[in-house]
Amino acid sequence: MKTAAILLSGFTFAAAALASGAPAAAKPDLAKGQATATQLCAACHTVDGSRGSPANPILQGQHPEYLAKQLHEFKDGKRKNAVMQGMAATLSDEDIRNVSAFYASKTAKPGFAKNKELVTLGEKIYRGGIADRQIPACASCHTPTGAGMPAQYPRIGGQHSDYTEAQLNAFRAGTRGNNAQMLAIAAKMNDREIKAVSDYIAGLR
């Protein structure tokens, strides 16, 4: 009888544990994230992820889930970049969670479009896509302001046009292969369209 009671108690405990779901992930430590940013990331992205070199992405205000996904994919080799693969290889899961949360906690500064000749084309593609080639509007995933959707689509509004253009070209060429949807979209775009929409995105806010 005593054994049965113990077994019943164990089953009850197990059922309660299953009902409560997996344990909650540890809360990110922003101070540790800042330390990682200062030691490893600042040379290319600045300490707070602000408007550094146009060749490198602005990280301020980016969704933490997106940043963590990219770091894990650099680390796993799914996304190719010699510098970033080397940097990500040194990071633990905790480091990635902390530094992603640190950059996400910052408020992104506004950017500006530079090419007045292409801004109308860029806006047309961003807001309406290109119907005859079945290219969807960028706004349908990244929102009209470029804010993106947490855990689904990155924030792109205000991003350096040089960086966005480089990533679209990499998707088109297949050298960046960690997003099947973007591979398919970029494959249908020409140089002028990529340049136009990248510049328009830089001025979104």
Protein backbone atom coordinates (compact mmCIF):
# COMPACT_ATOMS: atom_id res chain seq x y z
CA MET A 1 0.00 0.00 0.00
CA LYS A 2 2.83 2.31 0.94
CA THR A 3 4.60 1.49 -2.36
CA ALA A 4 1.44 2.28 -4.31
CA ALA A 5 1.12 5.62 -2.54
CA ILE A 6 4.73 6.49 -3.39
CA LEU A 7 4.19 5.54 -7.04
CA LEU A 8 0.98 7.57 -7.18
CA SER A 9 2.77 10.53 -5.66
CA GLY A 10 5.53 10.21 -8.26
CA PHE A 11 3.03 10.07 -11.11
CA THR A 12 1.24 13.12 -9.75
CA PHE A 13 4.52 15.05 -9.53
CA ALA A 14 5.49 14.05 -13.09
CA ALA A 15 2.09 15.06 -14.43
CA ALA A 16 2.32 18.42 -12.68
CA ALA A 17 5.80 18.98 -14.14
CA LEU A 18 4.57 18.17 -17.64
CA ALA A 19 1.56 20.44 -17.22
CA SER A 20 3.76 23.37 -16.19
CA GLY A 21 5.87 23.01 -19.34
CA ALA A 22 9.62 23.39 -19.68
CA PRO A 23 11.44 25.58 -17.19
CA ALA A 24 11.58 29.25 -18.18
CA ALA A 25 14.80 30.38 -19.82
CA ALA A 26 17.13 32.43 -17.65
CA LYS A 27 16.63 36.19 -17.87
CA PRO A 28 19.33 37.82 -20.02
CA ASP A 29 22.08 39.67 -18.16
CA LEU A 30 22.49 43.03 -19.91
CA ALA A 31 25.69 43.86 -18.04
CA LYS A 32 27.31 40.66 -19.26
CA GLY A 33 25.94 41.37 -22.72
CA GLN A 34 27.55 44.81 -22.67
CA ALA A 35 30.86 43.27 -21.60
CA THR A 36 30.75 40.87 -24.56
CA ALA A 37 29.81 43.72 -26.90
CA THR A 38 32.71 45.81 -25.61
CA GLN A 39 35.28 43.01 -25.83
CA LEU A 40 34.27 41.34 -29.09
CA CYS A 41 31.80 43.38 -31.12
CA ALA A 42 32.71 47.05 -30.69
CA ALA A 43 35.44 47.20 -33.34
CA CYS A 44 32.94 46.52 -36.14
CA HIS A 45 29.54 47.35 -34.66
CA THR A 46 30.44 50.03 -32.06
CA VAL A 47 29.79 49.31 -28.38
CA ASP A 48 26.06 50.06 -28.56
CA GLY A 49 25.48 48.75 -32.10
CA SER A 50 24.85 52.23 -33.54
CA ARG A 51 25.65 53.73 -36.92
CA GLY A 52 29.19 52.45 -37.52
CA SER A 53 30.64 51.44 -40.88
CA PRO A 54 28.00 51.12 -43.64
CA ALA A 55 29.48 47.71 -44.48
CA ASN A 56 28.36 46.36 -41.09
CA PRO A 57 24.79 46.13 -39.79
CA ILE A 58 23.27 48.44 -37.23
CA LEU A 59 22.34 46.23 -34.28
CA GLN A 60 20.55 48.77 -32.08
CA GLY A 61 16.92 47.88 -31.52
CA GLN A 62 17.11 44.62 -33.47
CA HIS A 63 14.87 41.82 -32.19
CA PRO A 64 16.89 39.68 -29.76
CA GLU A 65 15.49 36.47 -31.26
CA TYR A 66 16.80 37.47 -34.69
CA LEU A 67 20.25 38.42 -33.38
CA ALA A 68 20.50 35.15 -31.45
CA LYS A 69 19.43 33.15 -34.50
CA GLN A 70 22.09 34.79 -36.68
CA LEU A 71 24.84 34.23 -34.08
CA HIS A 72 23.88 30.58 -33.70
CA GLU A 73 23.87 30.16 -37.48
CA PHE A 74 27.29 31.79 -37.81
CA LYS A 75 28.51 29.47 -35.07
CA ASP A 76 27.02 26.40 -36.77
CA GLY A 77 28.31 27.43 -40.20
CA LYS A 78 24.82 27.79 -41.66
CA ARG A 79 25.54 31.46 -42.37
CA LYS A 80 28.95 32.10 -43.90
CA ASN A 81 31.24 34.96 -42.89
CA ALA A 82 34.82 34.28 -41.85
CA VAL A 83 34.97 37.09 -39.27
CA MET A 84 31.57 36.41 -37.73
CA GLN A 85 32.06 32.65 -37.70
CA GLY A 86 35.28 33.15 -35.74
CA MET A 87 33.62 35.54 -33.30
CA ALA A 88 30.51 33.41 -32.79
CA ALA A 89 32.59 30.27 -32.21
CA THR A 90 33.82 31.77 -28.92
CA LEU A 91 30.31 32.47 -27.58
CA SER A 92 28.29 30.20 -25.32
CA ASP A 93 24.50 30.03 -25.55
CA GLU A 94 24.38 32.30 -22.50
CA ASP A 95 26.74 34.81 -24.14
CA ILE A 96 24.57 34.87 -27.25
CA ARG A 97 21.40 35.41 -25.22
CA ASN A 98 23.00 38.21 -23.20
CA VAL A 99 24.63 40.15 -26.06
CA SER A 100 21.50 39.84 -28.22
CA ALA A 101 19.38 41.26 -25.40
CA PHE A 102 21.90 44.06 -24.82
CA TYR A 103 21.76 45.29 -28.43
CA ALA A 104 17.99 44.86 -28.54
CA SER A 105 17.66 47.11 -25.47
CA LYS A 106 19.12 50.08 -27.34
CA THR A 107 17.00 52.56 -29.30
CA ALA A 108 17.90 52.63 -32.97
CA LYS A 109 18.79 56.00 -34.44
CA PRO A 110 17.03 57.08 -37.66
CA GLY A 111 18.70 56.76 -41.04
CA PHE A 112 18.26 58.51 -44.37
CA ALA A 113 17.85 57.55 -48.02
CA LYS A 114 20.63 58.93 -50.25
CA ASN A 115 19.49 58.33 -53.84
CA LYS A 116 16.65 60.68 -54.81
CA GLU A 117 16.43 59.19 -58.29
CA LEU A 118 15.61 55.72 -56.99
CA VAL A 119 13.45 56.54 -53.96
CA THR A 120 10.14 56.25 -55.86
CA LEU A 121 11.07 52.82 -57.22
CA GLY A 122 12.29 51.72 -53.79
CA GLU A 123 9.04 52.79 -52.14
CA LYS A 124 6.99 51.02 -54.83
CA ILE A 125 8.83 47.73 -54.28
CA TYR A 126 8.81 48.01 -50.49
CA ARG A 127 5.11 48.80 -50.25
CA GLY A 128 3.68 46.96 -53.25
CA GLY A 129 6.23 44.43 -54.48
CA ILE A 130 6.62 43.60 -58.18
CA ALA A 131 3.47 41.78 -59.26
CA ASP A 132 4.58 40.52 -62.68
CA ARG A 133 7.47 38.61 -61.08
CA GLN A 134 5.56 37.60 -57.97
CA ILE A 135 7.87 39.58 -55.71
CA PRO A 136 5.94 40.34 -52.50
CA ALA A 137 5.95 43.72 -50.80
CA CYS A 138 8.73 43.97 -48.23
CA ALA A 139 6.21 45.64 -45.91
CA SER A 140 4.13 42.47 -45.75
CA CYS A 141 6.78 40.81 -43.57
CA HIS A 142 8.89 43.68 -42.28
CA THR A 143 5.90 46.03 -41.64
CA PRO A 144 5.34 49.45 -43.28
CA THR A 145 7.83 51.13 -40.92
CA GLY A 146 10.48 48.40 -41.23
CA ALA A 147 10.05 47.39 -37.58
CA GLY A 148 9.77 43.69 -38.45
CA MET A 149 8.07 41.09 -36.29
CA PRO A 150 9.80 39.60 -33.23
CA ALA A 151 10.96 35.99 -33.67
CA GLN A 152 9.89 36.07 -37.33
CA TYR A 153 11.29 38.95 -39.39
CA PRO A 154 14.13 41.36 -38.55
CA ARG A 155 13.88 45.07 -38.06
CA ILE A 156 15.27 46.66 -41.26
CA GLY A 157 14.05 50.28 -41.09
CA GLY A 158 17.02 52.67 -40.91
CA GLN A 159 19.55 49.96 -41.75
CA HIS A 160 22.61 51.02 -43.76
CA SER A 161 21.69 50.84 -47.45
CA ASP A 162 25.14 49.44 -48.27
CA TYR A 163 24.62 46.56 -45.85
CA THR A 164 21.07 45.80 -47.01
CA GLU A 165 22.18 45.87 -50.65
CA ALA A 166 25.07 43.52 -49.89
CA GLN A 167 22.76 41.05 -48.13
CA LEU A 168 20.21 41.06 -50.96
CA ASN A 169 23.01 40.47 -53.44
CA ALA A 170 24.32 37.62 -51.26
CA PHE A 171 20.86 36.05 -51.13
CA ARG A 172 20.55 36.41 -54.92
CA ALA A 173 23.95 34.81 -55.47
CA GLY A 174 23.23 32.05 -52.95
CA THR A 175 26.29 32.93 -50.86
CA ARG A 176 23.96 33.71 -47.95
CA GLY A 177 21.71 30.71 -47.72
CA ASN A 178 20.12 30.84 -44.28
CA ASN A 179 16.70 32.08 -45.38
CA ALA A 180 14.86 30.25 -48.16
CA GLN A 181 12.21 32.96 -48.49
CA MET A 182 14.79 35.71 -49.08
CA LEU A 183 16.75 33.52 -51.50
CA ALA A 184 13.64 33.14 -53.64
CA ILE A 185 12.74 36.84 -53.52
CA ALA A 186 16.22 38.23 -54.22
CA ALA A 187 16.70 35.79 -57.12
CA LYS A 188 13.98 37.67 -59.04
CA MET A 189 15.38 41.17 -58.48
CA ASN A 190 17.83 43.11 -60.66
CA ASP A 191 20.65 45.37 -59.50
CA ARG A 192 18.63 48.58 -59.83
CA GLU A 193 15.70 47.21 -57.85
CA ILE A 194 17.96 45.95 -55.08
CA LYS A 195 19.75 49.28 -54.87
CA ALA A 196 16.47 51.22 -54.87
CA VAL A 197 14.74 49.23 -52.15
CA SER A 198 17.91 49.15 -50.00
CA ASP A 199 18.15 52.93 -50.14
CA TYR A 200 14.45 53.37 -49.37
CA ILE A 201 14.77 51.06 -46.36
CA ALA A 202 17.60 53.22 -44.99
CA GLY A 203 15.18 56.13 -44.59
CA LEU A 204 12.31 54.18 -43.05
CA ARG A 205 11.28 55.12 -39.51
